[in-house]
Amino acid sequence: MSSSAAAHPESFFFKSSRKATRKGPHEPFGMNRRYHHWNQQRENAPYRMELADILPTRAAALEKDDKIVFHMVGDTGAAHNPGAQQNIAYHMADQVKGSTLPDQPSFFYHLGDIVYSFGEEKFYMDEFYKPYAIYEAPIFGIPGNHDGYIVSDSPYSLDAYMRHFCAPLARVTPASINADFNRPRPAMTQPNPYFRLNAPHVTIIGLYSNTGGQLDDTNSTEQQDWLAQELKDAPKNKCLIVAVHHPPFSRGHHGNATDVQLAMDTASKAARRWPDAVFSGHVHNYERFTRTLDGVQIPYVVAGAGGHTGYHVDSVDESSPLPRGVKAEKIETVHPGFLRVSVDDTELRCEYHLIPPHESIEDPTTVFDPFVLNWKTNKLQ
C-alpha cells in the first residue's frame, strides 16, 4: 500500500478485545422459487439513510467540496478462490489510503451477491469481513440472489444479510471480530434491503431484485410503488443513481432482467423522473449500455466481476438483440475489476479499474472505459 497513506478524518472501525461466540453452522437446502419472503423493516419506512449518520465529519466536508468519490462492484464472495477478490480489495483500499479529500473514495457500494452460495452466516467472515478488513471506509450493499436464498435454520430469506447490513445498531458481529480482532468492522445499519442513501452531490436508490429477478411478488407492487415515490421525492439538485443486482440489460449468459426493467420503467413513468444512471452486478463481467429515451441518455453499467469467479470473467454474445433505444457501448470479458465513480454538481465520471495478475498484485490498475455523463443535461460526453 502507499506509504503516503491518508487516514479517514473519522474511523468507521471499532477497537475491541471482546471474544466472539461462535454459532453452529447453517446448512443450505436446494430451492428454485423466484421470490422468497423476508422480514420487511416497515417500521423504518420510507427506508432512507444519510451518509452523515455514518460519517458526520466527512459528510460535512463533502458538502463544501466540489465532488464525492466512491467504489462500486458486485459478485465478490470467493471463499474457495479468493485471489481476485483480495486483489480488488487491495486496490480499492489503496485508493482510499493513498489519497485525500476530495479525491479519496468515501465508501464502497456493493451491487449484490456478497456471500455465496446461499448467503449463509458461516461464510461472512471469509467472504466479506476478511477481504475488506483493509478497506478503511463504510460498505453499503444491496442483496443479490445468492444473498436471498433460504438456509435451513431460518424461515425467511436474507436472514444473515439483515444481520450484517440492516442491523438496528452498529454492533460488532462474531464474524467481524474473528476476521480482524483488533479492529472489527461494525455491522451496517441500513433501514431495509432496498433503501435510499442520501449523500453530498448524489442520491443512490438501491433495489432488491430478489432471487429470480423481480422487484415484487406476483400479487404485489410494494417495492415498485416505493421506487416511484423515491424517484419523485429525490432531490433535483443531485445526481440520481439506481442500483439493482439483476441488470436490466446484459448480453451475458443470464440475459436481460426484463421484469426488473419493466418495474423500473413503470415507477419512472409514475414519478415522471428517470434515473441519471443505473448500476448492476449478477453477470460476472463488465458491460456498458446507453439507453436513449426522448433525447435523454441513461448509462446502464454491469459490474459483476468482483472476484467470485476468480480471474475468470463471463463472456457475452454480441449477437444478442437489445431493446429499441439501447446501444451496447463497451465490454470487458477478460479481467476482473471495480468501478470508481465521481459525482459533482454537473458530471458523473466513471472508470472501470482492471486489476493486475495476482503475482503482480502491487502493480497499478488499468483504467478501462472512462466515461462522463452530464447528469444535468443527461448527455454523455
Protein backbone atom coordinates (compact mmCIF):
# COMPACT_ATOMS: atom_id res chain seq x y z
CA MET A 1 0.00 0.00 0.00
CA SER A 2 1.05 3.59 -0.47
CA SER A 3 3.42 4.86 2.19
CA SER A 4 1.84 8.30 1.96
CA ALA A 5 -1.46 6.92 3.17
CA ALA A 6 -4.01 9.44 4.37
CA ALA A 7 -6.30 8.28 7.14
CA HIS A 8 -10.01 8.99 7.20
CA PRO A 9 -10.99 12.06 9.22
CA GLU A 10 -13.06 9.69 11.37
CA SER A 11 -12.89 5.96 11.90
CA PHE A 12 -15.62 3.55 10.91
CA PHE A 13 -13.97 0.68 12.81
CA PHE A 14 -14.22 -0.49 16.39
CA LYS A 15 -11.24 -1.31 18.59
CA SER A 16 -12.29 -4.31 20.61
CA SER A 17 -10.93 -7.10 22.76
CA ARG A 18 -14.20 -8.97 23.10
CA LYS A 19 -14.19 -12.63 22.35
CA ALA A 20 -16.57 -13.91 19.73
CA THR A 21 -19.18 -16.53 20.45
CA ARG A 22 -19.40 -18.96 17.59
CA LYS A 23 -22.77 -20.19 16.44
CA GLY A 24 -23.48 -23.53 14.88
CA PRO A 25 -23.20 -23.88 11.11
CA HIS A 26 -26.10 -23.16 8.79
CA GLU A 27 -26.76 -25.68 6.06
CA PRO A 28 -28.43 -24.61 2.81
CA PHE A 29 -31.06 -26.61 1.07
CA GLY A 30 -31.97 -26.53 -2.60
CA MET A 31 -34.81 -24.40 -3.90
CA ASN A 32 -35.95 -22.87 -7.14
CA ARG A 33 -38.53 -20.31 -6.08
CA ARG A 34 -38.22 -16.91 -7.72
CA TYR A 35 -39.44 -14.90 -4.72
CA HIS A 36 -38.73 -15.57 -1.04
CA HIS A 37 -40.50 -13.78 1.78
CA TRP A 38 -38.29 -11.86 4.19
CA ASN A 39 -38.75 -9.62 7.20
CA GLN A 40 -39.66 -6.24 5.71
CA GLN A 41 -38.45 -3.46 8.01
CA ARG A 42 -41.68 -1.46 7.68
CA GLU A 43 -41.09 0.37 10.95
CA ASN A 44 -38.15 2.07 9.16
CA ALA A 45 -40.20 3.32 6.19
CA PRO A 46 -39.60 5.20 3.95
CA TYR A 47 -36.17 3.49 4.14
CA ARG A 48 -33.89 6.50 3.84
CA MET A 49 -30.35 6.80 5.17
CA GLU A 50 -27.95 9.72 5.42
CA LEU A 51 -24.23 9.35 4.85
CA ALA A 52 -23.94 11.92 7.61
CA ASP A 53 -25.39 9.35 10.03
CA ILE A 54 -22.34 7.16 9.38
CA LEU A 55 -19.61 9.73 8.74
CA PRO A 56 -20.82 13.11 10.03
CA THR A 57 -17.45 14.90 9.82
CA ARG A 58 -16.72 13.64 6.33
CA ALA A 59 -20.23 14.38 5.05
CA ALA A 60 -19.93 17.96 6.26
CA ALA A 61 -16.59 18.30 4.48
CA LEU A 62 -18.00 16.78 1.28
CA GLU A 63 -20.84 19.31 1.26
CA LYS A 64 -18.19 22.01 0.95
CA ASP A 65 -16.07 20.06 -1.57
CA ASP A 66 -16.86 20.02 -5.26
CA LYS A 67 -17.39 16.24 -5.58
CA ILE A 68 -17.80 12.84 -3.94
CA VAL A 69 -15.95 9.65 -4.94
CA PHE A 70 -16.98 6.06 -4.17
CA HIS A 71 -16.47 2.47 -5.33
CA MET A 72 -19.00 0.01 -6.80
CA VAL A 73 -18.84 -3.65 -7.83
CA GLY A 74 -20.83 -6.82 -7.23
CA ASP A 75 -20.46 -10.60 -7.02
CA THR A 76 -17.46 -10.71 -4.73
CA GLY A 77 -17.76 -13.63 -2.29
CA ALA A 78 -14.97 -16.08 -3.12
CA ALA A 79 -14.04 -18.28 -0.17
CA HIS A 80 -12.77 -21.12 -2.38
CA ASN A 81 -10.91 -18.97 -4.92
CA PRO A 82 -10.21 -15.68 -3.12
CA GLY A 83 -7.29 -14.35 -5.17
CA ALA A 84 -9.17 -11.93 -7.43
CA GLN A 85 -11.42 -10.69 -4.60
CA GLN A 86 -8.38 -9.99 -2.44
CA ASN A 87 -6.68 -8.27 -5.37
CA ILE A 88 -9.67 -5.98 -5.91
CA ALA A 89 -9.97 -5.26 -2.19
CA TYR A 90 -6.25 -4.40 -2.06
CA HIS A 91 -6.53 -1.85 -4.86
CA MET A 92 -9.76 -0.29 -3.60
CA ALA A 93 -8.19 0.03 -0.15
CA ASP A 94 -5.05 1.54 -1.66
CA GLN A 95 -7.13 4.20 -3.39
CA VAL A 96 -8.63 5.10 -0.02
CA LYS A 97 -5.30 5.11 1.83
CA GLY A 98 -3.31 6.80 -0.90
CA SER A 99 -5.47 9.89 -1.36
CA THR A 100 -7.23 12.70 0.49
CA LEU A 101 -10.46 14.58 0.00
CA PRO A 102 -11.95 15.41 -2.38
CA ASP A 103 -10.38 12.57 -4.43
CA GLN A 104 -10.50 9.98 -1.67
CA PRO A 105 -13.30 7.38 -2.04
CA SER A 106 -15.78 7.74 0.82
CA PHE A 107 -17.47 4.34 0.68
CA PHE A 108 -17.94 1.10 -1.23
CA TYR A 109 -21.46 0.41 -2.53
CA HIS A 110 -21.80 -3.33 -3.10
CA LEU A 111 -24.04 -4.36 -6.02
CA GLY A 112 -25.14 -7.69 -4.53
CA ASP A 113 -24.10 -11.33 -4.21
CA ILE A 114 -21.99 -10.54 -1.20
CA VAL A 115 -21.79 -14.12 0.10
CA TYR A 116 -22.03 -17.39 -1.83
CA SER A 117 -23.53 -19.84 -2.26
CA PHE A 118 -26.67 -19.36 -0.20
CA GLY A 119 -25.88 -16.24 1.82
CA GLU A 120 -25.05 -18.30 4.90
CA GLU A 121 -23.86 -16.74 8.13
CA LYS A 122 -20.88 -19.09 8.27
CA PHE A 123 -19.33 -17.55 5.15
CA TYR A 124 -19.49 -13.88 6.16
CA MET A 125 -16.11 -13.95 7.90
CA ASP A 126 -14.14 -15.40 4.95
CA GLU A 127 -16.11 -13.87 2.08
CA PHE A 128 -16.85 -10.41 3.44
CA TYR A 129 -15.08 -9.30 6.60
CA LYS A 130 -11.62 -10.72 5.92
CA PRO A 131 -11.16 -9.41 2.36
CA TYR A 132 -12.33 -5.90 3.30
CA ALA A 133 -10.61 -5.66 6.68
CA ILE A 134 -8.08 -3.37 4.96
CA TYR A 135 -10.78 -1.17 3.38
CA GLU A 136 -10.95 1.85 5.69
CA ALA A 137 -14.38 3.13 4.71
CA PRO A 138 -18.02 2.09 5.15
CA ILE A 139 -19.54 -0.60 2.93
CA PHE A 140 -23.19 -0.33 1.92
CA GLY A 141 -24.82 -3.10 -0.07
CA ILE A 142 -27.96 -4.27 -1.78
CA PRO A 143 -28.59 -8.02 -1.72
CA GLY A 144 -28.26 -10.25 -4.75
CA ASN A 145 -29.95 -13.55 -5.49
CA HIS A 146 -27.30 -15.54 -3.61
CA ASP A 147 -27.80 -13.39 -0.53
CA GLY A 148 -31.52 -14.15 -0.56
CA TYR A 149 -31.53 -17.93 -0.69
CA ILE A 150 -33.00 -19.71 2.31
CA VAL A 151 -30.91 -21.66 4.81
CA SER A 152 -32.25 -24.45 6.97
CA ASP A 153 -32.42 -22.68 10.33
CA SER A 154 -34.43 -19.66 9.14
CA PRO A 155 -37.93 -19.45 7.67
CA TYR A 156 -37.03 -16.16 6.00
CA SER A 157 -34.84 -15.07 3.16
CA LEU A 158 -31.96 -12.61 3.76
CA ASP A 159 -31.51 -13.74 7.36
CA ALA A 160 -27.71 -13.32 7.51
CA TYR A 161 -27.72 -10.30 5.18
CA MET A 162 -30.12 -8.46 7.51
CA ARG A 163 -27.88 -9.20 10.47
CA HIS A 164 -24.82 -7.68 8.78
CA PHE A 165 -26.30 -4.88 6.66
CA CYS A 166 -29.62 -3.91 8.27
CA ALA A 167 -28.66 -4.16 11.93
CA PRO A 168 -30.55 -1.94 14.40
CA LEU A 169 -27.20 -0.89 15.91
CA ALA A 170 -23.67 -0.66 14.52
CA ARG A 171 -22.52 -3.60 16.62
CA VAL A 172 -19.62 -5.96 16.16
CA THR A 173 -20.61 -9.43 14.99
CA PRO A 174 -18.71 -12.63 15.72
CA ALA A 175 -17.81 -12.92 12.03
CA SER A 176 -16.31 -9.44 12.05
CA ILE A 177 -14.27 -9.80 15.23
CA ASN A 178 -12.92 -13.17 14.10
CA ALA A 179 -11.83 -11.59 10.82
CA ASP A 180 -9.96 -8.71 12.49
CA PHE A 181 -9.74 -8.98 16.26
CA ASN A 182 -8.06 -5.61 16.80
CA ARG A 183 -10.27 -3.51 14.54
CA PRO A 184 -13.51 -5.26 13.58
CA ARG A 185 -15.90 -3.68 11.09
CA PRO A 186 -19.27 -2.90 12.68
CA ALA A 187 -22.46 -4.13 11.06
CA MET A 188 -24.08 -1.65 8.69
CA THR A 189 -27.35 -0.04 9.79
CA GLN A 190 -29.27 0.30 6.52
CA PRO A 191 -33.01 0.72 7.14
CA ASN A 192 -34.04 -2.03 4.70
CA PRO A 193 -32.62 -4.20 1.89
CA TYR A 194 -33.98 -1.66 -0.58
CA PHE A 195 -33.32 1.86 0.59
CA ARG A 196 -32.25 5.37 -0.38
CA LEU A 197 -28.80 6.66 0.51
CA ASN A 198 -28.59 10.44 0.68
CA ALA A 199 -25.05 11.76 0.27
CA PRO A 200 -23.46 15.03 -0.81
CA HIS A 201 -23.84 15.50 -4.59
CA VAL A 202 -25.56 12.12 -5.14
CA THR A 203 -28.64 10.11 -4.23
CA ILE A 204 -28.43 6.33 -4.61
CA ILE A 205 -31.63 4.30 -4.65
CA GLY A 206 -30.83 0.66 -4.01
CA LEU A 207 -33.33 -2.02 -5.06
CA TYR A 208 -33.69 -5.69 -4.17
CA SER A 209 -34.40 -7.83 -7.23
CA ASN A 210 -34.96 -10.97 -5.15
CA THR A 211 -33.66 -14.41 -6.10
CA GLY A 212 -35.28 -14.52 -9.52
CA GLY A 213 -35.00 -11.01 -10.91
CA GLN A 214 -38.18 -9.12 -9.96
CA LEU A 215 -38.94 -6.35 -7.51
CA ASP A 216 -42.18 -7.78 -6.13
CA ASP A 217 -44.16 -10.96 -5.76
CA THR A 218 -46.87 -11.58 -8.36
CA ASN A 219 -49.63 -10.13 -6.18
CA SER A 220 -47.77 -7.03 -5.02
CA THR A 221 -46.25 -3.79 -6.31
CA GLU A 222 -44.90 -2.65 -2.94
CA GLN A 223 -41.27 -2.08 -3.91
CA GLN A 224 -42.22 -0.67 -7.31
CA ASP A 225 -44.55 1.84 -5.65
CA TRP A 226 -41.84 2.73 -3.15
CA LEU A 227 -39.39 3.29 -6.02
CA ALA A 228 -41.84 5.62 -7.76
CA GLN A 229 -42.18 7.73 -4.62
CA GLU A 230 -38.42 7.86 -4.05
CA LEU A 231 -37.76 8.89 -7.65
CA LYS A 232 -40.33 11.64 -7.24
CA ASP A 233 -39.01 12.82 -3.87
CA ALA A 234 -35.27 12.59 -4.54
CA PRO A 235 -33.52 15.98 -4.63
CA LYS A 236 -33.44 17.51 -8.10
CA ASN A 237 -30.10 19.21 -7.48
CA LYS A 238 -28.20 15.92 -7.04
CA CYS A 239 -27.27 13.13 -9.44
CA LEU A 240 -29.76 10.26 -9.13
CA ILE A 241 -28.40 6.70 -9.35
CA VAL A 242 -30.37 3.45 -9.18
CA ALA A 243 -28.53 0.28 -8.13
CA VAL A 244 -30.10 -3.15 -8.67
CA HIS A 245 -28.40 -6.54 -8.71
CA HIS A 246 -30.05 -8.09 -11.78
CA PRO A 247 -29.09 -5.99 -14.83
CA PRO A 248 -31.93 -4.67 -16.96
CA PHE A 249 -29.67 -5.15 -19.99
CA SER A 250 -26.91 -7.70 -20.49
CA ARG A 251 -25.52 -9.89 -23.24
CA GLY A 252 -24.08 -12.33 -20.72
CA HIS A 253 -25.49 -15.79 -20.12
CA HIS A 254 -28.15 -14.51 -17.70
CA GLY A 255 -29.56 -12.11 -20.29
CA ASN A 256 -31.78 -9.10 -19.63
CA ALA A 257 -33.71 -8.86 -16.35
CA THR A 258 -36.87 -7.84 -18.17
CA ASP A 259 -39.15 -7.92 -15.10
CA VAL A 260 -36.81 -5.55 -13.29
CA GLN A 261 -36.71 -3.17 -16.23
CA LEU A 262 -40.49 -3.16 -16.63
CA ALA A 263 -40.98 -2.37 -12.94
CA MET A 264 -38.37 0.39 -13.05
CA ASP A 265 -39.96 1.88 -16.17
CA THR A 266 -43.41 1.80 -14.61
CA ALA A 267 -42.11 3.54 -11.49
CA SER A 268 -40.21 6.14 -13.54
CA LYS A 269 -43.27 6.96 -15.60
CA ALA A 270 -45.39 7.29 -12.46
CA ALA A 271 -42.79 9.61 -10.91
CA ARG A 272 -42.17 11.45 -14.17
CA ARG A 273 -38.49 11.10 -13.47
CA TRP A 274 -35.84 8.72 -14.77
CA PRO A 275 -32.59 7.83 -13.04
CA ASP A 276 -29.47 9.51 -14.36
CA ALA A 277 -27.57 6.18 -14.33
CA VAL A 278 -28.20 2.52 -13.43
CA PHE A 279 -25.59 0.16 -11.96
CA SER A 280 -25.91 -3.64 -11.62
CA GLY A 281 -23.97 -6.84 -10.99
CA HIS A 282 -25.08 -10.51 -11.39
CA VAL A 283 -23.27 -11.10 -14.68
CA HIS A 284 -19.59 -11.68 -13.93
CA ASN A 285 -18.12 -9.22 -16.41
CA TYR A 286 -18.24 -5.54 -17.36
CA GLU A 287 -20.78 -4.19 -19.82
CA ARG A 288 -21.98 -0.67 -20.54
CA PHE A 289 -25.09 0.30 -22.47
CA THR A 290 -26.66 3.63 -23.36
CA ARG A 291 -30.44 3.86 -23.33
CA THR A 292 -31.93 6.83 -25.15
CA LEU A 293 -35.43 7.99 -24.21
CA ASP A 294 -36.78 11.16 -25.83
CA GLY A 295 -33.26 12.50 -26.26
CA VAL A 296 -32.20 11.61 -22.70
CA GLN A 297 -29.17 9.32 -22.44
CA ILE A 298 -29.02 6.91 -19.49
CA PRO A 299 -25.92 4.75 -18.95
CA TYR A 300 -26.62 1.20 -17.71
CA VAL A 301 -23.47 -0.37 -16.28
CA VAL A 302 -22.93 -4.03 -15.35
CA ALA A 303 -20.01 -4.57 -12.95
CA GLY A 304 -20.22 -8.13 -11.64
CA ALA A 305 -16.62 -9.31 -11.97
CA GLY A 306 -15.86 -8.56 -8.33
CA GLY A 307 -13.94 -11.74 -7.63
CA HIS A 308 -16.38 -14.60 -7.11
CA THR A 309 -15.28 -16.41 -10.26
CA GLY A 310 -11.61 -15.66 -9.60
CA TYR A 311 -9.75 -14.42 -12.63
CA HIS A 312 -12.32 -15.94 -14.99
CA VAL A 313 -14.78 -13.43 -16.45
CA ASP A 314 -18.07 -14.25 -18.18
CA SER A 315 -18.28 -13.99 -21.96
CA VAL A 316 -21.03 -12.22 -23.89
CA ASP A 317 -23.00 -12.96 -27.02
CA GLU A 318 -22.59 -9.81 -29.06
CA SER A 319 -25.28 -11.00 -31.47
CA SER A 320 -27.95 -10.94 -28.74
CA PRO A 321 -30.68 -8.46 -29.67
CA LEU A 322 -31.24 -5.44 -27.48
CA PRO A 323 -34.48 -3.50 -26.95
CA ARG A 324 -35.12 -0.46 -29.10
CA GLY A 325 -33.21 2.57 -27.92
CA VAL A 326 -30.50 0.54 -26.16
CA LYS A 327 -26.96 0.57 -27.55
CA ALA A 328 -24.03 -1.59 -26.40
CA GLU A 329 -21.02 0.62 -25.77
CA LYS A 330 -18.20 -1.38 -24.13
CA ILE A 331 -17.50 -4.87 -22.79
CA GLU A 332 -14.64 -6.38 -20.78
CA THR A 333 -14.64 -10.18 -20.61
CA VAL A 334 -11.01 -10.91 -19.70
CA HIS A 335 -10.09 -9.11 -16.48
CA PRO A 336 -11.93 -8.67 -13.16
CA GLY A 337 -12.21 -5.13 -11.86
CA PHE A 338 -14.14 -2.50 -9.93
CA LEU A 339 -15.73 0.89 -10.52
CA ARG A 340 -14.50 4.22 -9.25
CA VAL A 341 -17.34 6.75 -9.52
CA SER A 342 -17.04 10.51 -9.06
CA VAL A 343 -20.01 12.88 -8.92
CA ASP A 344 -20.04 16.66 -8.76
CA ASP A 345 -22.68 19.32 -9.31
CA THR A 346 -22.77 18.67 -13.08
CA GLU A 347 -21.00 15.45 -14.04
CA LEU A 348 -20.85 11.78 -13.19
CA ARG A 349 -17.44 10.33 -14.06
CA CYS A 350 -16.91 6.58 -14.06
CA GLU A 351 -13.80 4.43 -14.51
CA TYR A 352 -13.56 0.65 -14.55
CA HIS A 353 -10.28 -0.41 -12.97
CA LEU A 354 -8.84 -3.69 -14.25
CA ILE A 355 -6.72 -5.45 -11.64
CA PRO A 356 -3.23 -6.81 -12.45
CA PRO A 357 -2.35 -10.53 -12.35
CA HIS A 358 -2.17 -11.93 -8.84
CA GLU A 359 1.59 -12.47 -8.99
CA SER A 360 1.89 -8.73 -9.69
CA ILE A 361 -0.75 -7.55 -7.24
CA GLU A 362 1.18 -4.41 -6.32
CA ASP A 363 1.21 -3.22 -9.92
CA PRO A 364 -1.25 -0.40 -10.65
CA THR A 365 -4.71 -1.00 -12.04
CA THR A 366 -5.52 -0.24 -15.67
CA VAL A 367 -8.36 2.19 -16.33
CA PHE A 368 -10.85 0.85 -18.87
CA ASP A 369 -13.81 2.66 -20.42
CA PRO A 370 -13.76 6.01 -18.63
CA PHE A 371 -16.95 7.89 -19.45
CA VAL A 372 -18.55 11.16 -18.42
CA LEU A 373 -22.25 11.91 -18.09
CA ASN A 374 -23.53 15.44 -17.73
CA TRP A 375 -26.36 14.45 -15.42
CA LYS A 376 -27.99 17.86 -15.63
CA THR A 377 -28.46 17.61 -19.38
CA ASN A 378 -28.45 13.77 -19.46
CA LYS A 379 -25.89 13.74 -22.25
CA LEU A 380 -22.84 11.51 -22.45
CA GLN A 381 -19.60 13.26 -23.35
